[in-house]
PDB file of N, CA and C in Angstrom:
ATOM      1  N   MET A   1      27.669 -57.558-120.580  1.00  0.00           N
ATOM      2  CA  MET A   1      27.184 -58.532-119.786  1.00  0.00           C
ATOM      3  C   MET A   1      26.073 -58.039-119.069  1.00  0.00           C
ATOM      4  N   THR A   2      24.694 -58.901-118.767  1.00  0.00           N
ATOM      5  CA  THR A   2      23.647 -58.420-118.262  1.00  0.00           C
ATOM      6  C   THR A   2      23.581 -59.238-116.623  1.00  0.00           C
ATOM      7  N   SER A   3      22.732 -58.970-115.898  1.00  0.00           N
ATOM      8  CA  SER A   3      22.663 -59.586-114.673  1.00  0.00           C
ATOM      9  C   SER A   3      22.078 -61.116-115.041  1.00  0.00           C
ATOM     10  N   LYS A   4      21.495 -61.347-115.895  1.00  0.00           N
ATOM     11  CA  LYS A   4      21.269 -62.834-116.149  1.00  0.00           C
ATOM     12  C   LYS A   4      22.329 -63.544-116.530  1.00  0.00           C
ATOM     13  N   ASP A   5      23.367 -62.764-117.508  1.00  0.00           N
ATOM     14  CA  ASP A   5      24.679 -63.655-117.739  1.00  0.00           C
ATOM     15  C   ASP A   5      25.537 -63.848-116.458  1.00  0.00           C
ATOM     16  N   ILE A   6      25.372 -62.580-115.658  1.00  0.00           N
ATOM     17  CA  ILE A   6      26.147 -62.834-114.037  1.00  0.00           C
ATOM     18  C   ILE A   6      25.528 -64.174-113.432  1.00  0.00           C
ATOM     19  N   ALA A   7      24.254 -64.118-113.307  1.00  0.00           N
ATOM     20  CA  ALA A   7      23.669 -65.084-112.534  1.00  0.00           C
ATOM     21  C   ALA A   7      23.951 -66.719-113.159  1.00  0.00           C
ATOM     22  N   ASP A   8      23.976 -66.683-114.468  1.00  0.00           N
ATOM     23  CA  ASP A   8      24.368 -67.878-115.165  1.00  0.00           C
ATOM     24  C   ASP A   8      25.910 -68.265-114.795  1.00  0.00           C
ATOM     25  N   ALA A   9      26.755 -67.421-114.933  1.00  0.00           N
ATOM     26  CA  ALA A   9      28.156 -67.532-114.581  1.00  0.00           C
ATOM     27  C   ALA A   9      28.432 -67.951-112.961  1.00  0.00           C
ATOM     28  N   LEU A  10      27.458 -67.344-112.391  1.00  0.00           N
ATOM     29  CA  LEU A  10      27.383 -67.825-110.683  1.00  0.00           C
ATOM     30  C   LEU A  10      27.064 -69.163-110.617  1.00  0.00           C
ATOM     31  N   ALA A  11      26.003 -69.468-111.414  1.00  0.00           N
ATOM     32  CA  ALA A  11      25.205 -70.985-111.182  1.00  0.00           C
ATOM     33  C   ALA A  11      26.121 -72.054-111.746  1.00  0.00           C
ATOM     34  N   ALA A  12      27.093 -71.631-112.906  1.00  0.00           N
ATOM     35  CA  ALA A  12      27.785 -72.627-113.361  1.00  0.00           C
ATOM     36  C   ALA A  12      29.213 -72.627-112.365  1.00  0.00           C
ATOM     37  N   ARG A  13      29.523 -71.701-111.828  1.00  0.00           N
ATOM     38  CA  ARG A  13      30.891 -71.665-111.128  1.00  0.00           C
ATOM     39  C   ARG A  13      30.763 -72.314-109.669  1.00  0.00           C
ATOM     40  N   HIS A  14      29.237 -72.171-109.097  1.00  0.00           N
ATOM     41  CA  HIS A  14      29.245 -72.723-107.801  1.00  0.00           C
ATOM     42  C   HIS A  14      28.239 -73.991-107.624  1.00  0.00           C
ATOM     43  N   GLY A  15      27.684 -74.171-109.004  1.00  0.00           N
ATOM     44  CA  GLY A  15      26.932 -75.529-108.862  1.00  0.00           C
ATOM     45  C   GLY A  15      25.565 -75.195-108.310  1.00  0.00           C
ATOM     46  N   ILE A  16      24.920 -74.155-108.473  1.00  0.00           N
ATOM     47  CA  ILE A  16      23.689 -73.844-107.820  1.00  0.00           C
ATOM     48  C   ILE A  16      22.489 -73.730-109.100  1.00  0.00           C
ATOM     49  N   SER A  17      21.180 -73.859-108.653  1.00  0.00           N
ATOM     50  CA  SER A  17      20.462 -73.592-109.854  1.00  0.00           C
ATOM     51  C   SER A  17      20.496 -72.039-110.433  1.00  0.00           C
ATOM     52  N   LYS A  18      19.925 -71.999-111.539  1.00  0.00           N
ATOM     53  CA  LYS A  18      20.021 -70.771-112.120  1.00  0.00           C
ATOM     54  C   LYS A  18      18.987 -69.670-111.524  1.00  0.00           C
ATOM     55  N   ALA A  19      17.864 -70.172-111.111  1.00  0.00           N
ATOM     56  CA  ALA A  19      16.902 -69.419-110.282  1.00  0.00           C
ATOM     57  C   ALA A  19      17.465 -68.879-108.982  1.00  0.00           C
ATOM     58  N   GLU A  20      18.042 -69.798-108.215  1.00  0.00           N
ATOM     59  CA  GLU A  20      18.837 -69.377-106.989  1.00  0.00           C
ATOM     60  C   GLU A  20      19.849 -68.304-107.387  1.00  0.00           C
ATOM     61  N   ALA A  21      20.446 -68.428-108.323  1.00  0.00           N
ATOM     62  CA  ALA A  21      21.783 -67.526-108.627  1.00  0.00           C
ATOM     63  C   ALA A  21      20.997 -66.215-109.049  1.00  0.00           C
ATOM     64  N   ARG A  22      19.834 -66.147-109.899  1.00  0.00           N
ATOM     65  CA  ARG A  22      19.315 -65.105-110.288  1.00  0.00           C
ATOM     66  C   ARG A  22      18.718 -64.197-109.004  1.00  0.00           C
ATOM     67  N   ALA A  23      18.353 -65.156-108.056  1.00  0.00           N
ATOM     68  CA  ALA A  23      17.853 -64.376-106.719  1.00  0.00           C
ATOM     69  C   ALA A  23      18.937 -63.642-105.867  1.00  0.00           C
ATOM     70  N   GLN A  24      20.067 -64.555-105.855  1.00  0.00           N
ATOM     71  CA  GLN A  24      21.304 -63.817-105.233  1.00  0.00           C
ATOM     72  C   GLN A  24      21.648 -62.824-105.941  1.00  0.00           C
ATOM     73  N   VAL A  25      21.852 -62.585-107.222  1.00  0.00           N
ATOM     74  CA  VAL A  25      22.068 -61.377-107.916  1.00  0.00           C
ATOM     75  C   VAL A  25      21.286 -60.367-107.873  1.00  0.00           C
ATOM     76  N   ALA A  26      19.884 -60.662-107.744  1.00  0.00           N
ATOM     77  CA  ALA A  26      18.953 -59.591-107.526  1.00  0.00           C
ATOM     78  C   ALA A  26      19.167 -58.912-106.049  1.00  0.00           C
ATOM     79  N   ALA A  27      19.391 -59.866-105.126  1.00  0.00           N
ATOM     80  CA  ALA A  27      19.662 -59.448-103.764  1.00  0.00           C
ATOM     81  C   ALA A  27      20.996 -58.398-103.615  1.00  0.00           C
ATOM     82  N   VAL A  28      21.987 -58.860-104.313  1.00  0.00           N
ATOM     83  CA  VAL A  28      23.198 -58.188-104.238  1.00  0.00           C
ATOM     84  C   VAL A  28      23.003 -56.819-104.887  1.00  0.00           C
ATOM     85  N   LEU A  29      22.319 -56.732-105.807  1.00  0.00           N
ATOM     86  CA  LEU A  29      21.859 -55.511-106.544  1.00  0.00           C
ATOM     87  C   LEU A  29      21.225 -54.537-105.871  1.00  0.00           C
ATOM     88  N   GLU A  30      20.156 -54.966-105.003  1.00  0.00           N
ATOM     89  CA  GLU A  30      19.180 -54.331-104.163  1.00  0.00           C
ATOM     90  C   GLU A  30      19.881 -53.784-103.215  1.00  0.00           C
ATOM     91  N   ALA A  31      20.901 -54.752-102.299  1.00  0.00           N
ATOM     92  CA  ALA A  31      21.884 -53.971-101.326  1.00  0.00           C
ATOM     93  C   ALA A  31      22.585 -52.985-101.787  1.00  0.00           C
ATOM     94  N   ILE A  32      23.164 -53.015-102.899  1.00  0.00           N
ATOM     95  CA  ILE A  32      23.938 -51.876-103.538  1.00  0.00           C
ATOM     96  C   ILE A  32      23.059 -50.563-103.726  1.00  0.00           C
ATOM     97  N   THR A  33      21.745 -50.838-104.189  1.00  0.00           N
ATOM     98  CA  THR A  33      21.063 -49.685-104.398  1.00  0.00           C
ATOM     99  C   THR A  33      20.555 -49.354-103.025  1.00  0.00           C
ATOM    100  N   ASP A  34      20.146 -50.110-102.096  1.00  0.00           N
ATOM    101  CA  ASP A  34      19.833 -49.285-100.834  1.00  0.00           C
ATOM    102  C   ASP A  34      20.888 -48.665-100.221  1.00  0.00           C
ATOM    103  N   GLY A  35      22.252 -49.253-100.269  1.00  0.00           N
ATOM    104  CA  GLY A  35      23.375 -48.578 -99.921  1.00  0.00           C
ATOM    105  C   GLY A  35      23.559 -47.390-100.683  1.00  0.00           C
ATOM    106  N   VAL A  36      23.562 -47.139-101.891  1.00  0.00           N
ATOM    107  CA  VAL A  36      23.685 -45.870-102.475  1.00  0.00           C
ATOM    108  C   VAL A  36      22.734 -44.924-102.071  1.00  0.00           C
ATOM    109  N   ALA A  37      21.462 -45.302-101.754  1.00  0.00           N
ATOM    110  CA  ALA A  37      20.293 -44.387-101.507  1.00  0.00           C
ATOM    111  C   ALA A  37      20.769 -43.886-100.034  1.00  0.00           C
ATOM    112  N   LYS A  38      21.360 -44.592 -99.172  1.00  0.00           N
ATOM    113  CA  LYS A  38      21.851 -43.974 -98.047  1.00  0.00           C
ATOM    114  C   LYS A  38      23.073 -43.240 -97.939  1.00  0.00           C
ATOM    115  N   GLY A  39      23.996 -43.628 -98.755  1.00  0.00           N
ATOM    116  CA  GLY A  39      25.515 -42.863 -98.896  1.00  0.00           C
ATOM    117  C   GLY A  39      26.402 -43.735 -99.910  1.00  0.00           C
ATOM    118  N   ASP A  40      27.568 -43.717 -99.613  1.00  0.00           N
ATOM    119  CA  ASP A  40      28.414 -44.447-100.417  1.00  0.00           C
ATOM    120  C   ASP A  40      28.555 -45.843-100.401  1.00  0.00           C
ATOM    121  N   VAL A  41      28.909 -46.681-101.271  1.00  0.00           N
ATOM    122  CA  VAL A  41      29.200 -48.012-101.183  1.00  0.00           C
ATOM    123  C   VAL A  41      30.264 -48.349-101.940  1.00  0.00           C
ATOM    124  N   ALA A  42      31.306 -48.987-100.906  1.00  0.00           N
ATOM    125  CA  ALA A  42      32.713 -49.156-101.346  1.00  0.00           C
ATOM    126  C   ALA A  42      32.771 -50.759-101.609  1.00  0.00           C
ATOM    127  N   LEU A  43      33.214 -51.486-102.603  1.00  0.00           N
ATOM    128  CA  LEU A  43      33.304 -52.792-102.853  1.00  0.00           C
ATOM    129  C   LEU A  43      34.881 -53.027-103.072  1.00  0.00           C
ATOM    130  N   ALA A  44      35.696 -53.366-101.955  1.00  0.00           N
ATOM    131  CA  ALA A  44      36.975 -53.466-102.175  1.00  0.00           C
ATOM    132  C   ALA A  44      37.486 -54.433-103.552  1.00  0.00           C
ATOM    133  N   GLY A  45      38.387 -53.724-104.071  1.00  0.00           N
ATOM    134  CA  GLY A  45      38.974 -54.270-105.501  1.00  0.00           C
ATOM    135  C   GLY A  45      38.142 -54.146-106.727  1.00  0.00           C
ATOM    136  N   PHE A  46      36.946 -53.535-106.484  1.00  0.00           N
ATOM    137  CA  PHE A  46      36.012 -53.431-107.390  1.00  0.00           C
ATOM    138  C   PHE A  46      35.631 -51.899-107.900  1.00  0.00           C
ATOM    139  N   GLY A  47      35.197 -51.069-107.011  1.00  0.00           N
ATOM    140  CA  GLY A  47      34.980 -49.628-106.761  1.00  0.00           C
ATOM    141  C   GLY A  47      34.187 -49.122-105.883  1.00  0.00           C
ATOM    142  N   LYS A  48      33.851 -47.670-106.012  1.00  0.00           N
ATOM    143  CA  LYS A  48      32.856 -47.192-104.920  1.00  0.00           C
ATOM    144  C   LYS A  48      31.859 -46.477-105.869  1.00  0.00           C
ATOM    145  N   PHE A  49      30.589 -46.612-105.177  1.00  0.00           N
ATOM    146  CA  PHE A  49      29.635 -45.935-105.899  1.00  0.00           C
ATOM    147  C   PHE A  49      29.314 -44.741-104.840  1.00  0.00           C
ATOM    148  N   SER A  50      28.810 -43.745-105.521  1.00  0.00           N
ATOM    149  CA  SER A  50      28.623 -42.610-104.691  1.00  0.00           C
ATOM    150  C   SER A  50      27.546 -41.546-105.301  1.00  0.00           C
ATOM    151  N   VAL A  51      26.744 -40.824-104.604  1.00  0.00           N
ATOM    152  CA  VAL A  51      25.787 -39.920-104.994  1.00  0.00           C
ATOM    153  C   VAL A  51      26.368 -38.644-105.455  1.00  0.00           C
ATOM    154  N   SER A  52      26.129 -38.044-106.634  1.00  0.00           N
ATOM    155  CA  SER A  52      26.509 -36.784-106.883  1.00  0.00           C
ATOM    156  C   SER A  52      25.449 -35.779-107.112  1.00  0.00           C
ATOM    157  N   ARG A  53      25.400 -34.845-106.575  1.00  0.00           N
ATOM    158  CA  ARG A  53      24.387 -33.708-106.597  1.00  0.00           C
ATOM    159  C   ARG A  53      24.739 -32.542-107.418  1.00  0.00           C
ATOM    160  N   ARG A  54      24.003 -32.122-108.425  1.00  0.00           N
ATOM    161  CA  ARG A  54      24.590 -30.954-109.254  1.00  0.00           C
ATOM    162  C   ARG A  54      23.272 -29.726-108.908  1.00  0.00           C
ATOM    163  N   ALA A  55      23.788 -28.690-108.673  1.00  0.00           N
ATOM    164  CA  ALA A  55      23.024 -27.481-108.178  1.00  0.00           C
ATOM    165  C   ALA A  55      22.348 -27.147-109.797  1.00  0.00           C
ATOM    166  N   ALA A  56      21.181 -26.406-109.822  1.00  0.00           N
ATOM    167  CA  ALA A  56      20.504 -25.744-110.981  1.00  0.00           C
ATOM    168  C   ALA A  56      21.611 -24.891-111.583  1.00  0.00           C
ATOM    169  N   ARG A  57      21.505 -24.724-113.012  1.00  0.00           N
ATOM    170  CA  ARG A  57      22.417 -23.938-113.495  1.00  0.00           C
ATOM    171  C   ARG A  57      22.044 -23.407-114.932  1.00  0.00           C
ATOM    172  N   PRO A  58      22.524 -22.023-115.412  1.00  0.00           N
ATOM    173  CA  PRO A  58      22.047 -21.610-116.459  1.00  0.00           C
ATOM    174  C   PRO A  58      22.474 -22.486-117.613  1.00  0.00           C
ATOM    175  N   GLY A  59      21.752 -22.672-118.637  1.00  0.00           N
ATOM    176  CA  GLY A  59      21.950 -23.140-119.923  1.00  0.00           C
ATOM    177  C   GLY A  59      21.355 -22.504-121.246  1.00  0.00           C
ATOM    178  N   ARG A  60      21.554 -23.263-122.319  1.00  0.00           N
ATOM    179  CA  ARG A  60      21.052 -22.614-123.490  1.00  0.00           C
ATOM    180  C   ARG A  60      20.387 -23.712-124.263  1.00  0.00           C
ATOM    181  N   ASN A  61      19.120 -23.230-124.920  1.00  0.00           N
ATOM    182  CA  ASN A  61      18.482 -24.322-125.909  1.00  0.00           C
ATOM    183  C   ASN A  61      19.365 -24.228-127.390  1.00  0.00           C
ATOM    184  N   PRO A  62      19.962 -25.435-127.528  1.00  0.00           N
ATOM    185  CA  PRO A  62      20.762 -25.206-128.785  1.00  0.00           C
ATOM    186  C   PRO A  62      19.867 -25.059-130.160  1.00  0.00           C
ATOM    187  N   ARG A  63      18.672 -25.310-130.098  1.00  0.00           N
ATOM    188  CA  ARG A  63      17.800 -24.993-131.371  1.00  0.00           C
ATOM    189  C   ARG A  63      17.471 -23.397-131.421  1.00  0.00           C
ATOM    190  N   SER A  64      17.052 -23.027-130.396  1.00  0.00           N
ATOM    191  CA  SER A  64      16.588 -21.504-130.537  1.00  0.00           C
ATOM    192  C   SER A  64      17.562 -20.563-129.744  1.00  0.00           C
ATOM    193  N   GLY A  65      18.471 -20.959-129.205  1.00  0.00           N
ATOM    194  CA  GLY A  65      19.466 -20.091-128.524  1.00  0.00           C
ATOM    195  C   GLY A  65      19.021 -19.645-127.214  1.00  0.00           C
ATOM    196  N   GLU A  66      17.792 -19.803-126.753  1.00  0.00           N
ATOM    197  CA  GLU A  66      17.170 -19.111-125.645  1.00  0.00           C
ATOM    198  C   GLU A  66      17.853 -19.438-124.403  1.00  0.00           C
ATOM    199  N   THR A  67      17.895 -18.727-123.519  1.00  0.00           N
ATOM    200  CA  THR A  67      18.682 -19.137-122.285  1.00  0.00           C
ATOM    201  C   THR A  67      17.530 -19.567-121.368  1.00  0.00           C
ATOM    202  N   LEU A  68      17.929 -20.642-120.347  1.00  0.00           N
ATOM    203  CA  LEU A  68      17.225 -21.103-119.598  1.00  0.00           C
ATOM    204  C   LEU A  68      17.961 -21.770-118.445  1.00  0.00           C
ATOM    205  N   VAL A  69      16.916 -22.161-117.391  1.00  0.00           N
ATOM    206  CA  VAL A  69      17.689 -22.885-116.086  1.00  0.00           C
ATOM    207  C   VAL A  69      17.672 -24.246-116.307  1.00  0.00           C
ATOM    208  N   ILE A  70      18.703 -25.178-116.105  1.00  0.00           N
ATOM    209  CA  ILE A  70      18.763 -26.368-116.035  1.00  0.00           C
ATOM    210  C   ILE A  70      18.518 -26.897-114.588  1.00  0.00           C
ATOM    211  N   GLY A  71      17.562 -27.532-114.240  1.00  0.00           N
ATOM    212  CA  GLY A  71      17.216 -27.849-112.814  1.00  0.00           C
ATOM    213  C   GLY A  71      18.343 -28.656-112.110  1.00  0.00           C
ATOM    214  N   PRO A  72      18.218 -28.874-110.797  1.00  0.00           N
ATOM    215  CA  PRO A  72      19.316 -29.612-110.121  1.00  0.00           C
ATOM    216  C   PRO A  72      19.051 -31.230-110.520  1.00  0.00           C
ATOM    217  N   THR A  73      19.993 -31.891-110.315  1.00  0.00           N
ATOM    218  CA  THR A  73      20.039 -33.295-110.659  1.00  0.00           C
ATOM    219  C   THR A  73      20.938 -34.010-109.572  1.00  0.00           C
ATOM    220  N   THR A  74      20.295 -35.449-109.442  1.00  0.00           N
ATOM    221  CA  THR A  74      21.186 -36.325-108.569  1.00  0.00           C
ATOM    222  C   THR A  74      21.340 -37.466-109.333  1.00  0.00           C
ATOM    223  N   ARG A  75      22.785 -37.984-109.243  1.00  0.00           N
ATOM    224  CA  ARG A  75      22.944 -39.304-110.028  1.00  0.00           C
ATOM    225  C   ARG A  75      24.125 -40.025-109.369  1.00  0.00           C
ATOM    226  N   VAL A  76      24.244 -41.164-109.696  1.00  0.00           N
ATOM    227  CA  VAL A  76      25.010 -42.121-109.097  1.00  0.00           C
ATOM    228  C   VAL A  76      26.482 -42.078-109.887  1.00  0.00           C
ATOM    229  N   ARG A  77      27.659 -42.304-109.267  1.00  0.00           N
ATOM    230  CA  ARG A  77      28.749 -42.073-109.868  1.00  0.00           C
ATOM    231  C   ARG A  77      29.541 -43.360-109.484  1.00  0.00           C
ATOM    232  N   PHE A  78      30.242 -43.851-110.120  1.00  0.00           N
ATOM    233  CA  PHE A  78      31.206 -45.011-110.032  1.00  0.00           C
ATOM    234  C   PHE A  78      32.479 -44.809-110.182  1.00  0.00           C
ATOM    235  N   ARG A  79      33.388 -45.137-109.248  1.00  0.00           N
ATOM    236  CA  ARG A  79      34.946 -45.015-109.427  1.00  0.00           C
ATOM    237  C   ARG A  79      35.437 -46.327-109.336  1.00  0.00           C
ATOM    238  N   PRO A  80      36.094 -46.728-110.322  1.00  0.00           N
ATOM    239  CA  PRO A  80      36.941 -47.983-110.072  1.00  0.00           C
ATOM    240  C   PRO A  80      38.031 -47.924-109.335  1.00  0.00           C
ATOM    241  N   ALA A  81      38.131 -49.241-108.419  1.00  0.00           N
ATOM    242  CA  ALA A  81      39.235 -49.441-107.907  1.00  0.00           C
ATOM    243  C   ALA A  81      40.526 -49.602-108.690  1.00  0.00           C
ATOM    244  N   LYS A  82      41.768 -49.402-107.948  1.00  0.00           N
ATOM    245  CA  LYS A  82      43.158 -49.556-108.668  1.00  0.00           C
ATOM    246  C   LYS A  82      43.068 -51.095-109.207  1.00  0.00           C
ATOM    247  N   ALA A  83      42.694 -52.104-108.634  1.00  0.00           N
ATOM    248  CA  ALA A  83      42.687 -53.512-109.053  1.00  0.00           C
ATOM    249  C   ALA A  83      41.903 -53.540-110.332  1.00  0.00           C
ATOM    250  N   LEU A  84      40.717 -53.004-110.204  1.00  0.00           N
ATOM    251  CA  LEU A  84      39.931 -52.906-111.626  1.00  0.00           C
ATOM    252  C   LEU A  84      40.711 -52.317-112.691  1.00  0.00           C
ATOM    253  N   LYS A  85      41.138 -51.250-112.412  1.00  0.00           N
ATOM    254  CA  LYS A  85      41.843 -50.248-113.504  1.00  0.00           C
ATOM    255  C   LYS A  85      42.906 -51.136-113.997  1.00  0.00           C
ATOM    256  N   ASP A  86      43.855 -51.719-112.937  1.00  0.00           N
ATOM    257  CA  ASP A  86      44.897 -52.407-113.691  1.00  0.00           C
ATOM    258  C   ASP A  86      44.544 -53.821-114.436  1.00  0.00           C
ATOM    259  N   ARG A  87      43.458 -54.384-114.191  1.00  0.00           N
ATOM    260  CA  ARG A  87      43.043 -55.604-114.788  1.00  0.00           C
ATOM    261  C   ARG A  87      42.668 -55.071-116.241  1.00  0.00           C
ATOM    262  N   LEU A  88      42.016 -54.007-116.469  1.00  0.00           N
ATOM    263  CA  LEU A  88      41.567 -53.374-117.640  1.00  0.00           C
ATOM    264  C   LEU A  88      42.717 -53.215-118.563  1.00  0.00           C
ATOM    265  N   VAL A  89      43.850 -52.733-117.955  1.00  0.00           N
ATOM    266  CA  VAL A  89      45.000 -52.201-118.762  1.00  0.00           C
ATOM    267  C   VAL A  89      45.730 -53.361-119.405  1.00  0.00           C
ATOM    268  N   LYS A  90      45.527 -54.684-118.889  1.00  0.00           N
ATOM    269  CA  LYS A  90      46.171 -55.685-119.292  1.00  0.00           C
ATOM    270  C   LYS A  90      45.478 -56.269-120.504  1.00  0.00           C
ATOM    271  N   ARG A  91      44.174 -55.854-120.784  1.00  0.00           N
ATOM    272  CA  ARG A  91      43.336 -56.310-121.805  1.00  0.00           C
ATOM    273  C   ARG A  91      44.164 -56.081-123.017  1.00  0.00           C
TER     274      ARG A  91
END
């Protein structure tokens, strides 16, 4: 499902235009992005977005076997809420 699909479903469910629904979806995604940039974002019943930082670590080039240093990374993690997990189990 894409953000366009979500906007179309929102428009159909609430009787608003698709353009307005797309704008609302974009606003929600931007708010989540801004929140994650500042810290954690928790959506009750859905899950929690958090920032995970990983320090530099040694690695190995699989092709040559040469040892190298893998640089530090930052990524976004998502942990689903219990309600979401329970709903997925029912499928």
